[in-house]
Amino acid sequence: MFFIRNWREYLKNFSYSKIFHNDKEIYFNNICDSINNLSCSLKTNANTVIGRGSINTSLLFIGEAPGEEEDKLGVPFVGASGVLLKEMINSINIDINKVYITNICFWRPPLNRPPTEEEINICLPMVKEIIKLINPKLIVTLGSTATKVLHNKITNISKVRGIFSKISIKDNIYESIPTFHPSYILRIRSHKSLYMKDFLTIQQFIKDNNLYEELIISSK
């Protein structure tokens, strides 16, 4: 254990690839402290919601922002959208506790509106730190907001869903696949078959890259 006097400055220059497996929790806790210290107007009426799951994973899901239930519990994707997301993850025989799930924005916007560009820009540096720390083999962006922000382009989610592309963060390149946000599927049930198709594509990627063993639901 060691003390870092200026954590934010340290993050700018640190290579996460050098972190020993057992030290990941230490660095993650420091990232969480940095998130809690961010200055954002949303914090006045909302709890901080960072993420859930395992930081020692190869599969990362990133959504938009917490909803009402998430705000109450301080955990992302625990409301109706979370129930559907868990259903989809389980449908491809992956344990939801073996992936990591977070959002582009760490606080619930009023009336569940999309986060503003300013709110996103406050959170984005720490989202990128989480990505670099986890170093996933695949990032699944859920919905148009996360897809636009991380892929750095404005596009219709329906046109890019299910198609692999690269995300660049500093010197690191990550494989990514966009799909619908589960809240969209709850509104437009007729698109659930497309949603399932995207998750089957995710499943095939996991199989092709020999990642299934670490993510699969354990048989009891």
C-alpha atoms as a PDB file:
ATOM      1  CA  MET A   1       0.000   0.000   0.000  1.00  0.00           C
ATOM      2  CA  PHE A   2       1.292   3.444  -0.863  1.00  0.00           C
ATOM      3  CA  PHE A   3       0.042   7.009  -0.793  1.00  0.00           C
ATOM      4  CA  ILE A   4      -0.425   9.108  -3.933  1.00  0.00           C
ATOM      5  CA  ARG A   5      -0.366  12.827  -3.152  1.00  0.00           C
ATOM      6  CA  ASN A   6      -1.892  14.010  -6.438  1.00  0.00           C
ATOM      7  CA  TRP A   7      -4.067  11.210  -7.772  1.00  0.00           C
ATOM      8  CA  ARG A   8      -5.497  13.097 -10.755  1.00  0.00           C
ATOM      9  CA  GLU A   9      -2.045  14.057 -12.028  1.00  0.00           C
ATOM     10  CA  TYR A  10      -0.858  10.489 -11.473  1.00  0.00           C
ATOM     11  CA  LEU A  11      -3.727   9.116 -13.563  1.00  0.00           C
ATOM     12  CA  LYS A  12      -2.692  11.188 -16.571  1.00  0.00           C
ATOM     13  CA  ASN A  13       0.672   9.450 -16.873  1.00  0.00           C
ATOM     14  CA  PHE A  14       0.031   5.991 -15.472  1.00  0.00           C
ATOM     15  CA  SER A  15      -0.036   2.864 -17.631  1.00  0.00           C
ATOM     16  CA  TYR A  16      -2.717   0.492 -16.357  1.00  0.00           C
ATOM     17  CA  SER A  17      -1.094  -2.408 -18.180  1.00  0.00           C
ATOM     18  CA  LYS A  18       1.544  -2.359 -15.417  1.00  0.00           C
ATOM     19  CA  ILE A  19      -0.949  -2.965 -12.627  1.00  0.00           C
ATOM     20  CA  PHE A  20      -0.740  -6.286 -10.819  1.00  0.00           C
ATOM     21  CA  HIS A  21      -4.065  -8.097 -10.634  1.00  0.00           C
ATOM     22  CA  ASN A  22      -4.345  -7.703  -6.847  1.00  0.00           C
ATOM     23  CA  ASP A  23      -3.681  -3.964  -7.041  1.00  0.00           C
ATOM     24  CA  LYS A  24      -6.613  -3.233  -9.360  1.00  0.00           C
ATOM     25  CA  GLU A  25      -8.983  -2.723  -6.453  1.00  0.00           C
ATOM     26  CA  ILE A  26      -6.719  -0.056  -4.972  1.00  0.00           C
ATOM     27  CA  TYR A  27      -6.636   1.940  -8.192  1.00  0.00           C
ATOM     28  CA  PHE A  28     -10.343   1.464  -8.771  1.00  0.00           C
ATOM     29  CA  ASN A  29     -11.127   2.819  -5.307  1.00  0.00           C
ATOM     30  CA  ASN A  30      -9.048   5.892  -6.091  1.00  0.00           C
ATOM     31  CA  ILE A  31     -10.949   6.386  -9.352  1.00  0.00           C
ATOM     32  CA  CYS A  32     -14.199   6.165  -7.370  1.00  0.00           C
ATOM     33  CA  ASP A  33     -12.886   8.809  -4.963  1.00  0.00           C
ATOM     34  CA  SER A  34     -12.093  11.055  -7.924  1.00  0.00           C
ATOM     35  CA  ILE A  35     -15.611  10.548  -9.299  1.00  0.00           C
ATOM     36  CA  ASN A  36     -17.146  11.444  -5.944  1.00  0.00           C
ATOM     37  CA  ASN A  37     -15.087  14.643  -5.934  1.00  0.00           C
ATOM     38  CA  LEU A  38     -16.212  15.785  -9.384  1.00  0.00           C
ATOM     39  CA  SER A  39     -18.093  19.067  -9.507  1.00  0.00           C
ATOM     40  CA  CYS A  40     -21.423  18.548 -11.282  1.00  0.00           C
ATOM     41  CA  SER A  41     -24.778  20.267 -10.781  1.00  0.00           C
ATOM     42  CA  LEU A  42     -26.545  16.888 -10.965  1.00  0.00           C
ATOM     43  CA  LYS A  43     -24.993  15.881  -7.631  1.00  0.00           C
ATOM     44  CA  THR A  44     -27.293  18.196  -5.672  1.00  0.00           C
ATOM     45  CA  ASN A  45     -30.352  15.991  -6.201  1.00  0.00           C
ATOM     46  CA  ALA A  46     -28.850  12.628  -7.087  1.00  0.00           C
ATOM     47  CA  ASN A  47     -26.680   9.878  -5.657  1.00  0.00           C
ATOM     48  CA  THR A  48     -23.444   8.881  -7.352  1.00  0.00           C
ATOM     49  CA  VAL A  49     -23.881   5.681  -9.375  1.00  0.00           C
ATOM     50  CA  ILE A  50     -20.564   4.320 -10.640  1.00  0.00           C
ATOM     51  CA  GLY A  51     -20.887   0.680 -11.663  1.00  0.00           C
ATOM     52  CA  ARG A  52     -21.563  -2.933 -10.834  1.00  0.00           C
ATOM     53  CA  GLY A  53     -19.914  -6.268 -11.518  1.00  0.00           C
ATOM     54  CA  SER A  54     -16.298  -7.372 -11.809  1.00  0.00           C
ATOM     55  CA  ILE A  55     -13.436  -5.051 -12.737  1.00  0.00           C
ATOM     56  CA  ASN A  56     -11.436  -8.175 -13.631  1.00  0.00           C
ATOM     57  CA  THR A  57     -13.497  -8.816 -16.745  1.00  0.00           C
ATOM     58  CA  SER A  58     -13.083  -8.833 -20.502  1.00  0.00           C
ATOM     59  CA  LEU A  59     -16.624  -7.559 -21.209  1.00  0.00           C
ATOM     60  CA  LEU A  60     -17.757  -4.004 -20.423  1.00  0.00           C
ATOM     61  CA  PHE A  61     -21.243  -2.521 -20.908  1.00  0.00           C
ATOM     62  CA  ILE A  62     -21.693   1.274 -20.959  1.00  0.00           C
ATOM     63  CA  GLY A  63     -25.109   2.946 -20.899  1.00  0.00           C
ATOM     64  CA  GLU A  64     -26.356   6.520 -20.640  1.00  0.00           C
ATOM     65  CA  ALA A  65     -27.208   7.557 -17.056  1.00  0.00           C
ATOM     66  CA  PRO A  66     -28.898   6.204 -13.917  1.00  0.00           C
ATOM     67  CA  GLY A  67     -32.688   6.159 -13.669  1.00  0.00           C
ATOM     68  CA  GLU A  68     -34.909   6.531 -10.616  1.00  0.00           C
ATOM     69  CA  GLU A  69     -34.292   3.066  -9.143  1.00  0.00           C
ATOM     70  CA  GLU A  70     -30.577   3.277  -9.869  1.00  0.00           C
ATOM     71  CA  ASP A  71     -30.402   6.628  -8.119  1.00  0.00           C
ATOM     72  CA  LYS A  72     -32.157   5.230  -5.043  1.00  0.00           C
ATOM     73  CA  LEU A  73     -29.903   2.181  -4.760  1.00  0.00           C
ATOM     74  CA  GLY A  74     -26.649   3.643  -6.081  1.00  0.00           C
ATOM     75  CA  VAL A  75     -26.294   0.767  -8.562  1.00  0.00           C
ATOM     76  CA  PRO A  76     -26.686   0.956 -12.367  1.00  0.00           C
ATOM     77  CA  PHE A  77     -29.284  -1.055 -14.279  1.00  0.00           C
ATOM     78  CA  VAL A  78     -31.415  -2.335 -11.401  1.00  0.00           C
ATOM     79  CA  GLY A  79     -34.780  -1.018 -12.638  1.00  0.00           C
ATOM     80  CA  ALA A  80     -36.850  -2.333 -15.532  1.00  0.00           C
ATOM     81  CA  SER A  81     -34.003  -1.699 -17.992  1.00  0.00           C
ATOM     82  CA  GLY A  82     -31.662  -3.633 -15.737  1.00  0.00           C
ATOM     83  CA  VAL A  83     -34.032  -6.589 -15.589  1.00  0.00           C
ATOM     84  CA  LEU A  84     -34.069  -6.754 -19.385  1.00  0.00           C
ATOM     85  CA  LEU A  85     -30.298  -6.318 -19.646  1.00  0.00           C
ATOM     86  CA  LYS A  86     -29.752  -9.177 -17.213  1.00  0.00           C
ATOM     87  CA  GLU A  87     -32.185 -11.312 -19.213  1.00  0.00           C
ATOM     88  CA  MET A  88     -30.241 -10.649 -22.411  1.00  0.00           C
ATOM     89  CA  ILE A  89     -26.848 -11.301 -20.811  1.00  0.00           C
ATOM     90  CA  ASN A  90     -28.107 -14.519 -19.247  1.00  0.00           C
ATOM     91  CA  SER A  91     -29.639 -15.580 -22.573  1.00  0.00           C
ATOM     92  CA  ILE A  92     -26.135 -15.956 -24.019  1.00  0.00           C
ATOM     93  CA  ASN A  93     -25.082 -17.896 -20.921  1.00  0.00           C
ATOM     94  CA  ILE A  94     -22.986 -15.116 -19.398  1.00  0.00           C
ATOM     95  CA  ASP A  95     -23.028 -14.322 -15.684  1.00  0.00           C
ATOM     96  CA  ILE A  96     -23.948 -10.659 -15.154  1.00  0.00           C
ATOM     97  CA  ASN A  97     -21.703 -10.618 -12.073  1.00  0.00           C
ATOM     98  CA  LYS A  98     -18.707 -11.477 -14.284  1.00  0.00           C
ATOM     99  CA  VAL A  99     -19.041  -8.411 -16.524  1.00  0.00           C
ATOM    100  CA  TYR A 100     -18.810  -4.730 -15.604  1.00  0.00           C
ATOM    101  CA  ILE A 101     -21.647  -2.263 -16.204  1.00  0.00           C
ATOM    102  CA  THR A 102     -21.442   1.522 -15.967  1.00  0.00           C
ATOM    103  CA  ASN A 103     -22.803   4.683 -17.610  1.00  0.00           C
ATOM    104  CA  ILE A 104     -21.491   7.728 -19.462  1.00  0.00           C
ATOM    105  CA  CYS A 105     -22.965   9.905 -16.682  1.00  0.00           C
ATOM    106  CA  PHE A 106     -22.697   9.004 -12.991  1.00  0.00           C
ATOM    107  CA  TRP A 107     -25.783  10.925 -11.811  1.00  0.00           C
ATOM    108  CA  ARG A 108     -29.455  10.844 -12.717  1.00  0.00           C
ATOM    109  CA  PRO A 109     -30.565  13.841 -14.804  1.00  0.00           C
ATOM    110  CA  PRO A 110     -33.946  15.344 -13.804  1.00  0.00           C
ATOM    111  CA  LEU A 111     -36.946  13.479 -15.257  1.00  0.00           C
ATOM    112  CA  ASN A 112     -34.545  10.977 -16.827  1.00  0.00           C
ATOM    113  CA  ARG A 113     -33.645  13.387 -19.617  1.00  0.00           C
ATOM    114  CA  PRO A 114     -30.442  12.659 -21.571  1.00  0.00           C
ATOM    115  CA  PRO A 115     -27.329  14.136 -19.943  1.00  0.00           C
ATOM    116  CA  THR A 116     -26.130  17.394 -21.454  1.00  0.00           C
ATOM    117  CA  GLU A 117     -22.812  17.760 -23.246  1.00  0.00           C
ATOM    118  CA  GLU A 118     -21.434  19.603 -20.214  1.00  0.00           C
ATOM    119  CA  GLU A 119     -22.538  16.831 -17.828  1.00  0.00           C
ATOM    120  CA  ILE A 120     -21.042  14.181 -20.093  1.00  0.00           C
ATOM    121  CA  ASN A 121     -17.746  16.051 -20.385  1.00  0.00           C
ATOM    122  CA  ILE A 122     -17.479  16.200 -16.594  1.00  0.00           C
ATOM    123  CA  CYS A 123     -17.845  12.423 -16.309  1.00  0.00           C
ATOM    124  CA  LEU A 124     -16.069  11.268 -19.473  1.00  0.00           C
ATOM    125  CA  PRO A 125     -12.452  11.451 -18.236  1.00  0.00           C
ATOM    126  CA  MET A 126     -13.311   9.108 -15.356  1.00  0.00           C
ATOM    127  CA  VAL A 127     -15.293   6.804 -17.666  1.00  0.00           C
ATOM    128  CA  LYS A 128     -12.136   6.536 -19.749  1.00  0.00           C
ATOM    129  CA  GLU A 129     -10.086   5.776 -16.633  1.00  0.00           C
ATOM    130  CA  ILE A 130     -12.478   2.928 -15.806  1.00  0.00           C
ATOM    131  CA  ILE A 131     -12.110   1.595 -19.354  1.00  0.00           C
ATOM    132  CA  LYS A 132      -8.318   1.756 -19.172  1.00  0.00           C
ATOM    133  CA  LEU A 133      -8.242   0.074 -15.774  1.00  0.00           C
ATOM    134  CA  ILE A 134     -10.527  -2.787 -16.808  1.00  0.00           C
ATOM    135  CA  ASN A 135      -8.880  -3.077 -20.240  1.00  0.00           C
ATOM    136  CA  PRO A 136     -11.801  -5.041 -21.742  1.00  0.00           C
ATOM    137  CA  LYS A 137     -11.618  -7.172 -24.860  1.00  0.00           C
ATOM    138  CA  LEU A 138     -15.048  -5.878 -25.879  1.00  0.00           C
ATOM    139  CA  ILE A 139     -17.033  -2.747 -25.009  1.00  0.00           C
ATOM    140  CA  VAL A 140     -20.795  -2.856 -25.599  1.00  0.00           C
ATOM    141  CA  THR A 141     -22.278   0.639 -25.866  1.00  0.00           C
ATOM    142  CA  LEU A 142     -25.949   0.667 -24.915  1.00  0.00           C
ATOM    143  CA  GLY A 143     -27.942   3.286 -26.788  1.00  0.00           C
ATOM    144  CA  SER A 144     -27.204   6.359 -28.864  1.00  0.00           C
ATOM    145  CA  THR A 145     -25.662   8.540 -26.133  1.00  0.00           C
ATOM    146  CA  ALA A 146     -22.872   6.143 -25.126  1.00  0.00           C
ATOM    147  CA  THR A 147     -22.295   5.224 -28.764  1.00  0.00           C
ATOM    148  CA  LYS A 148     -22.022   8.845 -29.934  1.00  0.00           C
ATOM    149  CA  VAL A 149     -19.713   9.829 -27.080  1.00  0.00           C
ATOM    150  CA  LEU A 150     -17.291   6.907 -27.227  1.00  0.00           C
ATOM    151  CA  HIS A 151     -17.264   6.537 -31.006  1.00  0.00           C
ATOM    152  CA  ASN A 152     -16.991  10.317 -31.362  1.00  0.00           C
ATOM    153  CA  LYS A 153     -19.594  10.600 -34.093  1.00  0.00           C
ATOM    154  CA  ILE A 154     -23.259  11.485 -34.391  1.00  0.00           C
ATOM    155  CA  THR A 155     -25.208   8.616 -35.857  1.00  0.00           C
ATOM    156  CA  ASN A 156     -28.493   6.737 -35.665  1.00  0.00           C
ATOM    157  CA  ILE A 157     -28.096   3.740 -33.353  1.00  0.00           C
ATOM    158  CA  SER A 158     -30.281   1.672 -35.692  1.00  0.00           C
ATOM    159  CA  LYS A 159     -27.699   2.114 -38.465  1.00  0.00           C
ATOM    160  CA  VAL A 160     -24.645   1.055 -36.454  1.00  0.00           C
ATOM    161  CA  ARG A 161     -26.041  -1.512 -34.001  1.00  0.00           C
ATOM    162  CA  GLY A 162     -24.494  -4.950 -34.234  1.00  0.00           C
ATOM    163  CA  ILE A 163     -21.466  -3.689 -36.185  1.00  0.00           C
ATOM    164  CA  PHE A 164     -17.984  -3.900 -34.666  1.00  0.00           C
ATOM    165  CA  SER A 165     -15.744  -0.842 -34.642  1.00  0.00           C
ATOM    166  CA  LYS A 166     -12.754   0.517 -32.728  1.00  0.00           C
ATOM    167  CA  ILE A 167     -12.644   2.940 -29.804  1.00  0.00           C
ATOM    168  CA  SER A 168      -9.385   4.816 -29.252  1.00  0.00           C
ATOM    169  CA  ILE A 169      -8.474   6.115 -25.788  1.00  0.00           C
ATOM    170  CA  LYS A 170      -4.998   7.645 -25.690  1.00  0.00           C
ATOM    171  CA  ASP A 171      -2.666   4.877 -26.925  1.00  0.00           C
ATOM    172  CA  ASN A 172      -5.176   2.059 -26.459  1.00  0.00           C
ATOM    173  CA  ILE A 173      -7.563   0.613 -29.040  1.00  0.00           C
ATOM    174  CA  TYR A 174     -10.662  -1.298 -27.911  1.00  0.00           C
ATOM    175  CA  GLU A 175     -13.078  -3.444 -29.868  1.00  0.00           C
ATOM    176  CA  SER A 176     -16.635  -2.183 -29.491  1.00  0.00           C
ATOM    177  CA  ILE A 177     -20.146  -3.040 -30.607  1.00  0.00           C
ATOM    178  CA  PRO A 178     -23.146  -0.713 -30.236  1.00  0.00           C
ATOM    179  CA  THR A 179     -26.640  -1.948 -29.533  1.00  0.00           C
ATOM    180  CA  PHE A 180     -29.935  -0.548 -28.289  1.00  0.00           C
ATOM    181  CA  HIS A 181     -30.366   0.686 -24.744  1.00  0.00           C
ATOM    182  CA  PRO A 182     -32.721  -1.736 -22.936  1.00  0.00           C
ATOM    183  CA  SER A 183     -35.111   1.132 -22.170  1.00  0.00           C
ATOM    184  CA  TYR A 184     -35.640   1.522 -25.924  1.00  0.00           C
ATOM    185  CA  ILE A 185     -36.571  -2.146 -26.269  1.00  0.00           C
ATOM    186  CA  LEU A 186     -39.044  -1.772 -23.405  1.00  0.00           C
ATOM    187  CA  ARG A 187     -40.741   0.945 -25.451  1.00  0.00           C
ATOM    188  CA  ILE A 188     -40.384  -0.685 -28.889  1.00  0.00           C
ATOM    189  CA  ARG A 189     -40.944  -4.375 -28.200  1.00  0.00           C
ATOM    190  CA  SER A 190     -40.925  -5.225 -31.908  1.00  0.00           C
ATOM    191  CA  HIS A 191     -37.150  -4.624 -31.981  1.00  0.00           C
ATOM    192  CA  LYS A 192     -36.345  -7.251 -29.372  1.00  0.00           C
ATOM    193  CA  SER A 193     -35.460  -9.768 -32.094  1.00  0.00           C
ATOM    194  CA  LEU A 194     -32.797  -7.331 -33.345  1.00  0.00           C
ATOM    195  CA  TYR A 195     -31.582  -6.948 -29.769  1.00  0.00           C
ATOM    196  CA  MET A 196     -31.261 -10.710 -29.463  1.00  0.00           C
ATOM    197  CA  LYS A 197     -29.349 -10.810 -32.736  1.00  0.00           C
ATOM    198  CA  ASP A 198     -26.841  -8.297 -31.360  1.00  0.00           C
ATOM    199  CA  PHE A 199     -26.339 -10.346 -28.210  1.00  0.00           C
ATOM    200  CA  LEU A 200     -25.760 -13.467 -30.289  1.00  0.00           C
ATOM    201  CA  THR A 201     -23.090 -11.496 -32.152  1.00  0.00           C
ATOM    202  CA  ILE A 202     -21.535 -10.624 -28.785  1.00  0.00           C
ATOM    203  CA  GLN A 203     -21.668 -14.283 -27.815  1.00  0.00           C
ATOM    204  CA  GLN A 204     -19.878 -15.308 -31.010  1.00  0.00           C
ATOM    205  CA  PHE A 205     -17.129 -12.748 -30.381  1.00  0.00           C
ATOM    206  CA  ILE A 206     -16.634 -14.171 -26.895  1.00  0.00           C
ATOM    207  CA  LYS A 207     -16.397 -17.693 -28.280  1.00  0.00           C
ATOM    208  CA  ASP A 208     -14.038 -16.700 -31.091  1.00  0.00           C
ATOM    209  CA  ASN A 209     -11.710 -14.969 -28.628  1.00  0.00           C
ATOM    210  CA  ASN A 210     -11.740 -17.789 -26.064  1.00  0.00           C
ATOM    211  CA  LEU A 211     -13.349 -15.651 -23.366  1.00  0.00           C
ATOM    212  CA  TYR A 212     -16.316 -17.846 -22.560  1.00  0.00           C
ATOM    213  CA  GLU A 213     -14.742 -19.785 -19.713  1.00  0.00           C
ATOM    214  CA  GLU A 214     -14.206 -16.665 -17.592  1.00  0.00           C
ATOM    215  CA  LEU A 215     -17.691 -15.246 -18.275  1.00  0.00           C
ATOM    216  CA  ILE A 216     -19.982 -18.246 -18.401  1.00  0.00           C
ATOM    217  CA  ILE A 217     -22.688 -18.889 -15.819  1.00  0.00           C
ATOM    218  CA  SER A 218     -21.300 -21.448 -13.390  1.00  0.00           C
ATOM    219  CA  SER A 219     -23.190 -24.725 -13.238  1.00  0.00           C
ATOM    220  CA  LYS A 220     -24.111 -25.868  -9.737  1.00  0.00           C
END
